[in-house]
Amino acid sequence: MSTPKCESCAFRAKYDRNPNSLLGRLWRWHTSWCPGWRSYMRSLSAEQRRELADKYDLKRYK
């Protein structure tokens, strides 16, 4: 299986630029069920995971 490209995802960049945009909100919703995002988060260190969880307010990973 290939490595998720979540770090350079175009939708994630849209969210970072404007969280209230349609594509930004779509990305945020998508993180709740995306298997690629889950495996990406599991591949990070605990500290990096916590930082992303705080940045994107992802309660599942806190």
N, C-alpha and C. Protein backbone atom coordinates (compact mmCIF):
# COMPACT_ATOMS: atom_id res chain seq x y z
N MET A 1 0.84 -1.18 0.00
CA MET A 1 0.00 0.00 0.00
C MET A 1 0.89 1.24 0.00
N SER A 2 0.51 2.23 -0.75
CA SER A 2 1.32 3.43 -0.84
C SER A 2 1.11 4.34 0.38
N THR A 3 2.03 5.23 0.58
CA THR A 3 1.97 6.17 1.69
C THR A 3 0.97 7.28 1.37
N PRO A 4 0.10 7.64 2.32
CA PRO A 4 -0.85 8.72 2.08
C PRO A 4 -0.12 10.04 1.84
N LYS A 5 -0.65 10.84 0.96
CA LYS A 5 -0.03 12.12 0.64
C LYS A 5 -0.75 13.27 1.35
N CYS A 6 -1.15 13.01 2.57
CA CYS A 6 -1.94 13.97 3.35
C CYS A 6 -1.17 15.26 3.65
N GLU A 7 0.13 15.15 3.75
CA GLU A 7 0.92 16.33 4.06
C GLU A 7 0.89 17.37 2.94
N SER A 8 0.74 16.91 1.71
CA SER A 8 0.71 17.84 0.58
C SER A 8 -0.64 17.86 -0.13
N CYS A 9 -1.69 17.46 0.58
CA CYS A 9 -3.03 17.39 0.01
C CYS A 9 -3.55 18.79 -0.36
N ALA A 10 -4.10 18.91 -1.55
CA ALA A 10 -4.62 20.20 -2.02
C ALA A 10 -5.83 20.64 -1.19
N PHE A 11 -6.66 19.69 -0.79
CA PHE A 11 -7.83 20.03 0.04
C PHE A 11 -7.38 20.54 1.41
N ARG A 12 -6.36 19.93 1.94
CA ARG A 12 -5.84 20.38 3.24
C ARG A 12 -5.29 21.80 3.13
N ALA A 13 -4.63 22.09 2.03
CA ALA A 13 -4.11 23.44 1.80
C ALA A 13 -5.25 24.44 1.70
N LYS A 14 -6.35 24.04 1.06
CA LYS A 14 -7.53 24.92 0.97
C LYS A 14 -8.07 25.20 2.38
N TYR A 15 -8.12 24.17 3.20
CA TYR A 15 -8.58 24.36 4.58
C TYR A 15 -7.66 25.31 5.33
N ASP A 16 -6.36 25.14 5.16
CA ASP A 16 -5.40 26.01 5.85
C ASP A 16 -5.56 27.47 5.43
N ARG A 17 -5.85 27.69 4.15
CA ARG A 17 -6.03 29.06 3.65
C ARG A 17 -7.36 29.66 4.09
N ASN A 18 -8.42 28.85 4.02
CA ASN A 18 -9.75 29.36 4.35
C ASN A 18 -10.61 28.20 4.87
N PRO A 19 -10.63 28.01 6.19
CA PRO A 19 -11.37 26.89 6.77
C PRO A 19 -12.88 26.92 6.49
N ASN A 20 -13.42 28.08 6.18
CA ASN A 20 -14.86 28.18 5.95
C ASN A 20 -15.25 27.98 4.49
N SER A 21 -14.28 27.76 3.61
CA SER A 21 -14.61 27.52 2.21
C SER A 21 -15.27 26.15 2.08
N LEU A 22 -15.98 25.95 1.00
CA LEU A 22 -16.66 24.68 0.78
C LEU A 22 -15.66 23.51 0.75
N LEU A 23 -14.57 23.66 0.00
CA LEU A 23 -13.58 22.58 -0.07
C LEU A 23 -12.86 22.39 1.26
N GLY A 24 -12.66 23.48 1.98
CA GLY A 24 -12.04 23.37 3.29
C GLY A 24 -12.91 22.59 4.26
N ARG A 25 -14.19 22.90 4.27
CA ARG A 25 -15.12 22.18 5.14
C ARG A 25 -15.26 20.72 4.71
N LEU A 26 -15.22 20.48 3.41
CA LEU A 26 -15.27 19.11 2.89
C LEU A 26 -14.07 18.31 3.37
N TRP A 27 -12.88 18.92 3.33
CA TRP A 27 -11.68 18.23 3.81
C TRP A 27 -11.82 17.90 5.30
N ARG A 28 -12.29 18.85 6.08
CA ARG A 28 -12.42 18.65 7.53
C ARG A 28 -13.38 17.49 7.81
N TRP A 29 -14.51 17.45 7.11
CA TRP A 29 -15.47 16.37 7.28
C TRP A 29 -14.85 15.03 6.86
N HIS A 30 -14.11 15.07 5.78
CA HIS A 30 -13.49 13.88 5.21
C HIS A 30 -12.48 13.24 6.16
N THR A 31 -11.83 14.04 7.01
CA THR A 31 -10.84 13.49 7.94
C THR A 31 -11.48 12.56 8.97
N SER A 32 -12.79 12.67 9.17
CA SER A 32 -13.44 11.84 10.19
C SER A 32 -13.59 10.39 9.74
N TRP A 33 -13.49 10.09 8.46
CA TRP A 33 -13.67 8.70 8.01
C TRP A 33 -12.60 8.21 7.03
N CYS A 34 -11.72 9.06 6.58
CA CYS A 34 -10.74 8.70 5.56
C CYS A 34 -9.68 7.71 6.09
N PRO A 35 -9.56 6.52 5.48
CA PRO A 35 -8.56 5.56 5.95
C PRO A 35 -7.13 6.06 5.70
N GLY A 36 -6.93 6.83 4.65
CA GLY A 36 -5.60 7.39 4.40
C GLY A 36 -5.18 8.36 5.48
N TRP A 37 -6.11 9.22 5.93
CA TRP A 37 -5.82 10.18 6.99
C TRP A 37 -5.51 9.44 8.29
N ARG A 38 -6.27 8.40 8.58
CA ARG A 38 -6.01 7.62 9.79
C ARG A 38 -4.63 7.00 9.78
N SER A 39 -4.24 6.42 8.65
CA SER A 39 -2.92 5.80 8.58
C SER A 39 -1.83 6.86 8.62
N TYR A 40 -2.08 8.02 8.03
CA TYR A 40 -1.12 9.13 8.09
C TYR A 40 -0.93 9.56 9.55
N MET A 41 -2.01 9.72 10.28
CA MET A 41 -1.92 10.14 11.68
C MET A 41 -1.20 9.08 12.52
N ARG A 42 -1.44 7.81 12.24
CA ARG A 42 -0.76 6.74 12.97
C ARG A 42 0.74 6.71 12.67
N SER A 43 1.12 7.18 11.48
CA SER A 43 2.53 7.15 11.11
C SER A 43 3.34 8.26 11.77
N LEU A 44 2.66 9.25 12.33
CA LEU A 44 3.34 10.37 12.98
C LEU A 44 3.73 10.02 14.41
N SER A 45 4.70 10.76 14.91
CA SER A 45 5.06 10.59 16.32
C SER A 45 3.93 11.15 17.18
N ALA A 46 3.91 10.79 18.45
CA ALA A 46 2.85 11.24 19.35
C ALA A 46 2.81 12.76 19.43
N GLU A 47 3.97 13.38 19.44
CA GLU A 47 4.02 14.84 19.52
C GLU A 47 3.45 15.49 18.26
N GLN A 48 3.84 14.99 17.09
CA GLN A 48 3.32 15.54 15.84
C GLN A 48 1.81 15.32 15.74
N ARG A 49 1.35 14.16 16.15
CA ARG A 49 -0.08 13.85 16.12
C ARG A 49 -0.85 14.82 17.01
N ARG A 50 -0.32 15.08 18.19
CA ARG A 50 -0.96 16.02 19.12
C ARG A 50 -1.01 17.42 18.54
N GLU A 51 0.09 17.85 17.89
CA GLU A 51 0.12 19.18 17.28
C GLU A 51 -0.94 19.32 16.19
N LEU A 52 -1.05 18.31 15.33
CA LEU A 52 -2.07 18.35 14.28
C LEU A 52 -3.47 18.29 14.86
N ALA A 53 -3.66 17.47 15.88
CA ALA A 53 -4.97 17.37 16.52
C ALA A 53 -5.38 18.71 17.12
N ASP A 54 -4.42 19.42 17.71
CA ASP A 54 -4.72 20.74 18.25
C ASP A 54 -4.99 21.75 17.14
N LYS A 55 -4.18 21.70 16.10
CA LYS A 55 -4.33 22.66 14.99
C LYS A 55 -5.68 22.52 14.30
N TYR A 56 -6.12 21.29 14.08
CA TYR A 56 -7.36 21.04 13.35
C TYR A 56 -8.53 20.66 14.27
N ASP A 57 -8.31 20.73 15.59
CA ASP A 57 -9.33 20.42 16.58
C ASP A 57 -9.93 19.03 16.33
N LEU A 58 -9.05 18.05 16.23
CA LEU A 58 -9.46 16.67 16.00
C LEU A 58 -9.46 15.94 17.33
N LYS A 59 -10.60 15.85 17.96
CA LYS A 59 -10.71 15.25 19.29
C LYS A 59 -10.30 13.78 19.31
N ARG A 60 -10.50 13.09 18.20
CA ARG A 60 -10.17 11.67 18.13
C ARG A 60 -8.68 11.40 18.39
N TYR A 61 -7.82 12.33 18.02
CA TYR A 61 -6.38 12.11 18.12
C TYR A 61 -5.71 12.82 19.29
N LYS A 62 -6.49 13.42 20.16
CA LYS A 62 -5.91 14.15 21.31
C LYS A 62 -5.58 13.22 22.44
